[in-house]
Amino acid sequence: MAIRPARTEDWAKASGAAGVRLPSGETRVGAHAFYRSLGYAGTNMQLNLRKMFD
């Protein structure tokens, strides 16, 4: 799948969104650098909790 941030941003703007939120795993350092180079800023680290059932 191709990464098309500009297309997503254009759609969001046209839809009246104030911005785009992009969750990304803590270990995805390369992805973080890529998105920062496009103007995205990290605001905090997320913790996603889950509980699996047998």
Protein backbone atom coordinates (compact mmCIF):
# COMPACT_ATOMS: atom_id res chain seq x y z
CA MET A 1 0.00 0.00 0.00
CA ALA A 2 1.39 3.40 -0.96
CA ILE A 3 1.73 6.11 1.64
CA ARG A 4 -0.15 9.22 0.50
CA PRO A 5 -0.20 11.72 3.38
CA ALA A 6 -0.90 14.70 1.10
CA ARG A 7 -4.01 13.02 -0.30
CA THR A 8 -5.25 12.27 3.20
CA GLU A 9 -4.57 15.85 4.29
CA ASP A 10 -6.41 17.25 1.26
CA TRP A 11 -9.43 15.05 2.02
CA ALA A 12 -9.38 16.08 5.69
CA LYS A 13 -9.20 19.80 4.83
CA ALA A 14 -12.03 19.47 2.30
CA SER A 15 -14.09 17.69 4.95
CA GLY A 16 -13.63 20.58 7.37
CA ALA A 17 -11.19 18.84 9.73
CA ALA A 18 -8.90 21.00 11.85
CA GLY A 19 -6.03 18.53 11.48
CA VAL A 20 -4.98 14.91 11.18
CA ARG A 21 -4.14 12.55 14.03
CA LEU A 22 -1.77 9.72 13.29
CA PRO A 23 -1.22 7.04 15.93
CA SER A 24 2.10 5.26 15.53
CA GLY A 25 3.80 2.64 17.67
CA GLU A 26 6.60 3.76 19.96
CA THR A 27 9.16 1.54 18.22
CA ARG A 28 8.46 2.88 14.70
CA VAL A 29 11.31 5.37 14.77
CA GLY A 30 11.71 5.47 10.98
CA ALA A 31 8.02 6.20 10.48
CA HIS A 32 8.18 8.95 13.09
CA ALA A 33 11.10 10.59 11.26
CA PHE A 34 9.23 10.34 7.96
CA TYR A 35 6.09 12.01 9.29
CA ARG A 36 8.06 14.69 11.15
CA SER A 37 9.75 15.55 7.84
CA LEU A 38 6.23 16.24 6.49
CA GLY A 39 5.40 18.64 9.31
CA TYR A 40 3.72 16.29 11.79
CA ALA A 41 4.58 16.86 15.44
CA GLY A 42 4.53 14.33 18.25
CA THR A 43 2.60 15.49 21.27
CA ASN A 44 2.89 12.49 23.57
CA MET A 45 3.57 8.80 23.69
CA GLN A 46 0.50 6.59 23.75
CA LEU A 47 -0.18 3.51 25.77
CA ASN A 48 -2.76 1.20 24.27
CA LEU A 49 -4.03 -1.29 26.79
CA ARG A 50 -5.74 -4.53 25.91
CA LYS A 51 -6.84 -7.70 27.61
CA MET A 52 -7.00 -10.93 25.67
CA PHE A 53 -9.43 -13.70 26.61
CA ASP A 54 -8.75 -17.42 26.31
